[in-house]
C-alpha atoms as a PDB file:
ATOM      1  CA  UNK A   1      44.012 121.140 -40.243  1.00  0.00           C
ATOM      2  CA  UNK A   2      42.452 117.730 -41.409  1.00  0.00           C
ATOM      3  CA  UNK A   3      44.912 115.027 -41.688  1.00  0.00           C
ATOM      4  CA  UNK A   4      45.220 114.037 -45.370  1.00  0.00           C
ATOM      5  CA  UNK A   5      45.127 110.027 -44.070  1.00  0.00           C
ATOM      6  CA  UNK A   6      41.734 109.221 -43.595  1.00  0.00           C
ATOM      7  CA  UNK A   7      42.248 105.568 -43.533  1.00  0.00           C
ATOM      8  CA  UNK A   8      45.790 104.671 -42.730  1.00  0.00           C
ATOM      9  CA  UNK A   9      47.193 100.986 -43.863  1.00  0.00           C
ATOM     10  CA  UNK A  10      47.277  98.588 -40.857  1.00  0.00           C
ATOM     11  CA  UNK A  11      49.851  97.764 -38.519  1.00  0.00           C
ATOM     12  CA  UNK A  12      51.429  94.879 -40.257  1.00  0.00           C
ATOM     13  CA  UNK A  13      49.563  95.128 -43.416  1.00  0.00           C
ATOM     14  CA  UNK A  14      52.239  97.195 -45.403  1.00  0.00           C
ATOM     15  CA  UNK A  15      54.853  94.034 -44.547  1.00  0.00           C
ATOM     16  CA  UNK A  16      52.420  91.649 -46.341  1.00  0.00           C
ATOM     17  CA  UNK A  17      51.818  93.860 -49.185  1.00  0.00           C
ATOM     18  CA  UNK A  18      55.534  93.776 -49.446  1.00  0.00           C
ATOM     19  CA  UNK A  19      56.040  90.423 -49.059  1.00  0.00           C
ATOM     20  CA  UNK A  20      53.511  89.805 -51.927  1.00  0.00           C
ATOM     21  CA  UNK A  21      54.983  92.226 -54.182  1.00  0.00           C
ATOM     22  CA  UNK A  22      58.468  90.749 -53.351  1.00  0.00           C
ATOM     23  CA  UNK A  23      56.459  87.104 -54.685  1.00  0.00           C
ATOM     24  CA  UNK A  24      55.644  88.999 -57.936  1.00  0.00           C
ATOM     25  CA  UNK A  25      59.302  90.506 -58.146  1.00  0.00           C
ATOM     26  CA  UNK A  26      60.547  86.508 -57.678  1.00  0.00           C
ATOM     27  CA  UNK A  27      58.056  85.036 -60.018  1.00  0.00           C
ATOM     28  CA  UNK A  28      59.393  87.794 -62.779  1.00  0.00           C
ATOM     29  CA  UNK A  29      62.966  87.200 -62.133  1.00  0.00           C
ATOM     30  CA  UNK A  30      63.370  83.981 -64.607  1.00  0.00           C
ATOM     31  CA  UNK A  31      62.193  86.313 -67.838  1.00  0.00           C
ATOM     32  CA  UNK A  32      64.339  89.473 -66.843  1.00  0.00           C
ATOM     33  CA  UNK A  33      66.858  90.828 -68.990  1.00  0.00           C
ATOM     34  CA  UNK A  34      69.216  92.990 -67.468  1.00  0.00           C
ATOM     35  CA  UNK A  35      70.485  95.851 -69.742  1.00  0.00           C
ATOM     36  CA  UNK A  36      72.838  97.984 -68.719  1.00  0.00           C
ATOM     37  CA  UNK A  37      72.867 102.136 -69.628  1.00  0.00           C
ATOM     38  CA  UNK A  38      76.240 100.709 -71.845  1.00  0.00           C
ATOM     39  CA  UNK A  39      74.332  98.428 -73.953  1.00  0.00           C
ATOM     40  CA  UNK A  40      71.123 100.810 -74.056  1.00  0.00           C
ATOM     41  CA  UNK A  41      73.365 103.045 -76.605  1.00  0.00           C
ATOM     42  CA  UNK A  42      72.361 102.714 -80.400  1.00  0.00           C
ATOM     43  CA  UNK A  43      69.776 100.059 -79.710  1.00  0.00           C
ATOM     44  CA  UNK A  44      66.316 101.064 -81.267  1.00  0.00           C
ATOM     45  CA  UNK A  45      63.382  99.869 -79.306  1.00  0.00           C
ATOM     46  CA  UNK A  46      59.431  99.821 -79.696  1.00  0.00           C
ATOM     47  CA  UNK A  47      59.326 102.098 -76.811  1.00  0.00           C
ATOM     48  CA  UNK A  48      60.554 105.021 -78.954  1.00  0.00           C
ATOM     49  CA  UNK A  49      57.564 105.780 -80.964  1.00  0.00           C
ATOM     50  CA  UNK A  50      58.045 103.003 -83.432  1.00  0.00           C
ATOM     51  CA  UNK A  51      55.439 100.325 -82.137  1.00  0.00           C
ATOM     52  CA  UNK A  52      52.819 101.337 -85.077  1.00  0.00           C
ATOM     53  CA  UNK A  53      55.660 100.652 -87.671  1.00  0.00           C
ATOM     54  CA  UNK A  54      56.630  97.769 -86.400  1.00  0.00           C
ATOM     55  CA  UNK A  55      53.213  96.399 -85.803  1.00  0.00           C
ATOM     56  CA  UNK A  56      52.492  97.361 -89.361  1.00  0.00           C
ATOM     57  CA  UNK A  57      55.603  95.413 -91.161  1.00  0.00           C
ATOM     58  CA  UNK A  58      54.305  92.721 -88.920  1.00  0.00           C
ATOM     59  CA  UNK A  59      51.032  92.462 -90.707  1.00  0.00           C
ATOM     60  CA  UNK A  60      52.665  92.891 -94.078  1.00  0.00           C
ATOM     61  CA  UNK A  61      54.690  90.186 -93.239  1.00  0.00           C
ATOM     62  CA  UNK A  62      51.920  87.793 -92.005  1.00  0.00           C
ATOM     63  CA  UNK A  63      49.909  88.633 -95.363  1.00  0.00           C
ATOM     64  CA  UNK A  64      53.356  87.904 -97.434  1.00  0.00           C
ATOM     65  CA  UNK A  65      55.241  85.441 -96.192  1.00  0.00           C
ATOM     66  CA  UNK A  66      57.004  84.748 -99.049  1.00  0.00           C
ATOM     67  CA  UNK A  67      58.190  87.411 -99.750  1.00  0.00           C
ATOM     68  CA  UNK A  68      60.419  86.723 -96.627  1.00  0.00           C
ATOM     69  CA  UNK A  69      63.787  84.992 -96.219  1.00  0.00           C
ATOM     70  CA  UNK A  70      62.876  81.125 -95.671  1.00  0.00           C
ATOM     71  CA  UNK A  71      64.450  81.055 -92.065  1.00  0.00           C
ATOM     72  CA  UNK A  72      61.649  84.384 -91.064  1.00  0.00           C
ATOM     73  CA  UNK A  73      58.459  83.252 -89.295  1.00  0.00           C
ATOM     74  CA  UNK A  74      56.024  86.132 -88.949  1.00  0.00           C
ATOM     75  CA  UNK A  75      54.225  84.483 -86.367  1.00  0.00           C
ATOM     76  CA  UNK A  76      57.345  84.866 -84.559  1.00  0.00           C
ATOM     77  CA  UNK A  77      56.865  88.610 -84.191  1.00  0.00           C
ATOM     78  CA  UNK A  78      52.963  88.142 -83.709  1.00  0.00           C
ATOM     79  CA  UNK A  79      54.587  85.929 -80.504  1.00  0.00           C
ATOM     80  CA  UNK A  80      56.936  88.674 -79.300  1.00  0.00           C
ATOM     81  CA  UNK A  81      54.473  91.498 -79.835  1.00  0.00           C
ATOM     82  CA  UNK A  82      52.327  89.474 -77.732  1.00  0.00           C
ATOM     83  CA  UNK A  83      54.440  89.043 -75.496  1.00  0.00           C
ATOM     84  CA  UNK A  84      55.380  93.117 -75.324  1.00  0.00           C
ATOM     85  CA  UNK A  85      51.914  93.534 -74.822  1.00  0.00           C
ATOM     86  CA  UNK A  86      51.559  91.717 -71.714  1.00  0.00           C
ATOM     87  CA  UNK A  87      54.195  93.127 -70.339  1.00  0.00           C
ATOM     88  CA  UNK A  88      53.280  96.374 -70.867  1.00  0.00           C
ATOM     89  CA  UNK A  89      49.650  95.786 -69.176  1.00  0.00           C
ATOM     90  CA  UNK A  90      52.366  94.347 -66.155  1.00  0.00           C
ATOM     91  CA  UNK A  91      54.146  97.754 -66.264  1.00  0.00           C
ATOM     92  CA  UNK A  92      51.155  99.550 -66.302  1.00  0.00           C
ATOM     93  CA  UNK A  93      49.673  97.705 -63.562  1.00  0.00           C
ATOM     94  CA  UNK A  94      53.212  98.339 -61.499  1.00  0.00           C
ATOM     95  CA  UNK A  95      53.148 102.310 -61.881  1.00  0.00           C
ATOM     96  CA  UNK A  96      49.720 102.427 -60.877  1.00  0.00           C
ATOM     97  CA  UNK A  97      50.825 100.891 -57.850  1.00  0.00           C
ATOM     98  CA  UNK A  98      53.863 102.776 -57.351  1.00  0.00           C
ATOM     99  CA  UNK A  99      51.587 106.207 -57.554  1.00  0.00           C
ATOM    100  CA  UNK A 100      49.153 104.570 -54.739  1.00  0.00           C
ATOM    101  CA  UNK A 101      52.006 103.894 -52.680  1.00  0.00           C
ATOM    102  CA  UNK A 102      54.148 107.314 -53.399  1.00  0.00           C
ATOM    103  CA  UNK A 103      50.829 109.426 -52.812  1.00  0.00           C
ATOM    104  CA  UNK A 104      49.677 107.630 -49.681  1.00  0.00           C
ATOM    105  CA  UNK A 105      53.586 107.704 -48.368  1.00  0.00           C
ATOM    106  CA  UNK A 106      53.999 111.595 -49.360  1.00  0.00           C
ATOM    107  CA  UNK A 107      50.104 112.177 -47.028  1.00  0.00           C
ATOM    108  CA  UNK A 108      51.157 110.311 -44.486  1.00  0.00           C
ATOM    109  CA  UNK A 109      54.768 112.590 -44.088  1.00  0.00           C
ATOM    110  CA  UNK A 110      52.746 115.573 -44.583  1.00  0.00           C
ATOM    111  CA  UNK A 111      50.421 114.508 -41.472  1.00  0.00           C
ATOM    112  CA  UNK A 112      53.429 113.662 -39.332  1.00  0.00           C
ATOM    113  CA  UNK A 113      54.924 117.178 -40.200  1.00  0.00           C
ATOM    114  CA  UNK A 114      51.434 118.578 -39.129  1.00  0.00           C
ATOM    115  CA  UNK A 115      51.929 116.548 -35.844  1.00  0.00           C
ATOM    116  CA  UNK A 116      55.980 117.318 -35.513  1.00  0.00           C
ATOM    117  CA  UNK A 117      55.153 121.497 -35.822  1.00  0.00           C
ATOM    118  CA  UNK A 118      52.173 121.030 -33.543  1.00  0.00           C
ATOM    119  CA  UNK A 119      54.358 119.095 -31.027  1.00  0.00           C
ATOM    120  CA  UNK A 120      56.957 121.500 -31.533  1.00  0.00           C
ATOM    121  CA  UNK A 121      55.297 125.134 -30.816  1.00  0.00           C
ATOM    122  CA  UNK A 122      53.875 123.074 -27.498  1.00  0.00           C
ATOM    123  CA  UNK A 123      57.481 122.374 -26.794  1.00  0.00           C
ATOM    124  CA  UNK A 124      58.918 125.465 -27.864  1.00  0.00           C
ATOM    125  CA  UNK A 125      56.176 127.669 -25.293  1.00  0.00           C
ATOM    126  CA  UNK A 126      56.734 125.280 -22.861  1.00  0.00           C
ATOM    127  CA  UNK A 127      60.659 124.970 -22.689  1.00  0.00           C
ATOM    128  CA  UNK A 128      60.924 128.675 -21.118  1.00  0.00           C
ATOM    129  CA  UNK A 129      60.041 127.025 -17.780  1.00  0.00           C
ATOM    130  CA  UNK A 130      61.409 123.659 -18.225  1.00  0.00           C
ATOM    131  CA  UNK A 131      65.335 123.492 -17.998  1.00  0.00           C
ATOM    132  CA  UNK A 132      65.392 119.398 -19.110  1.00  0.00           C
ATOM    133  CA  UNK A 133      62.975 120.397 -21.865  1.00  0.00           C
ATOM    134  CA  UNK A 134      65.093 123.107 -22.921  1.00  0.00           C
ATOM    135  CA  UNK A 135      68.522 121.391 -23.146  1.00  0.00           C
ATOM    136  CA  UNK A 136      66.280 118.534 -25.034  1.00  0.00           C
ATOM    137  CA  UNK A 137      65.547 121.428 -27.278  1.00  0.00           C
ATOM    138  CA  UNK A 138      69.334 122.352 -28.441  1.00  0.00           C
ATOM    139  CA  UNK A 139      69.407 119.747 -30.553  1.00  0.00           C
ATOM    140  CA  UNK A 140      66.256 120.655 -32.604  1.00  0.00           C
ATOM    141  CA  UNK A 141      67.910 124.388 -32.231  1.00  0.00           C
ATOM    142  CA  UNK A 142      71.375 122.528 -33.985  1.00  0.00           C
ATOM    143  CA  UNK A 143      69.560 120.397 -36.286  1.00  0.00           C
ATOM    144  CA  UNK A 144      68.112 124.065 -37.734  1.00  0.00           C
ATOM    145  CA  UNK A 145      70.917 125.307 -37.129  1.00  0.00           C
ATOM    146  CA  UNK A 146      72.583 122.722 -39.435  1.00  0.00           C
ATOM    147  CA  UNK A 147      69.649 122.078 -42.003  1.00  0.00           C
ATOM    148  CA  UNK A 148      67.711 125.328 -42.114  1.00  0.00           C
ATOM    149  CA  UNK A 149      66.085 125.585 -45.427  1.00  0.00           C
ATOM    150  CA  UNK A 150      63.075 128.243 -45.365  1.00  0.00           C
ATOM    151  CA  UNK A 151      60.996 125.908 -47.010  1.00  0.00           C
ATOM    152  CA  UNK A 152      61.160 123.109 -45.067  1.00  0.00           C
ATOM    153  CA  UNK A 153      62.086 124.342 -41.848  1.00  0.00           C
ATOM    154  CA  UNK A 154      60.468 123.156 -38.089  1.00  0.00           C
ATOM    155  CA  UNK A 155      58.805 126.517 -37.283  1.00  0.00           C
ATOM    156  CA  UNK A 156      59.457 128.288 -34.014  1.00  0.00           C
ATOM    157  CA  UNK A 157      62.758 126.270 -32.262  1.00  0.00           C
ATOM    158  CA  UNK A 158      64.621 129.140 -32.103  1.00  0.00           C
ATOM    159  CA  UNK A 159      66.555 129.443 -28.428  1.00  0.00           C
ATOM    160  CA  UNK A 160      64.533 132.011 -26.577  1.00  0.00           C
END
């Protein structure tokens, strides 16, 4: 079976990338607004399909500022909508990065399991002639007896 990962992440490269991502996290911290699940209850946000309405009202308010109260400034909403657009750009970039990492990690873990299955098969064959190996493979047998799952099972680990 061909490996999924053709160009593996070089040794030491992932920690450098993590450091860069952590730098971005630190840069975002001053602007982060932590909101608990309880605080979200009952609040309306544009994320719930209201962005079109908000943008329409913003355009109308900008066209008719005299109809607003004196304390209201249509530019405030325009600025907040611009911030929202910038945050959405950042969110999309983060989602793309997360998807890339998840896919690469999944592919790598699939390749690891292919090797694991091949190593296990070879060890299972040789354990019949090697008592030390047979004793060591008892841990694999124990693992399979505790965590047996027909879809995620390491094949051929039954003790002879």
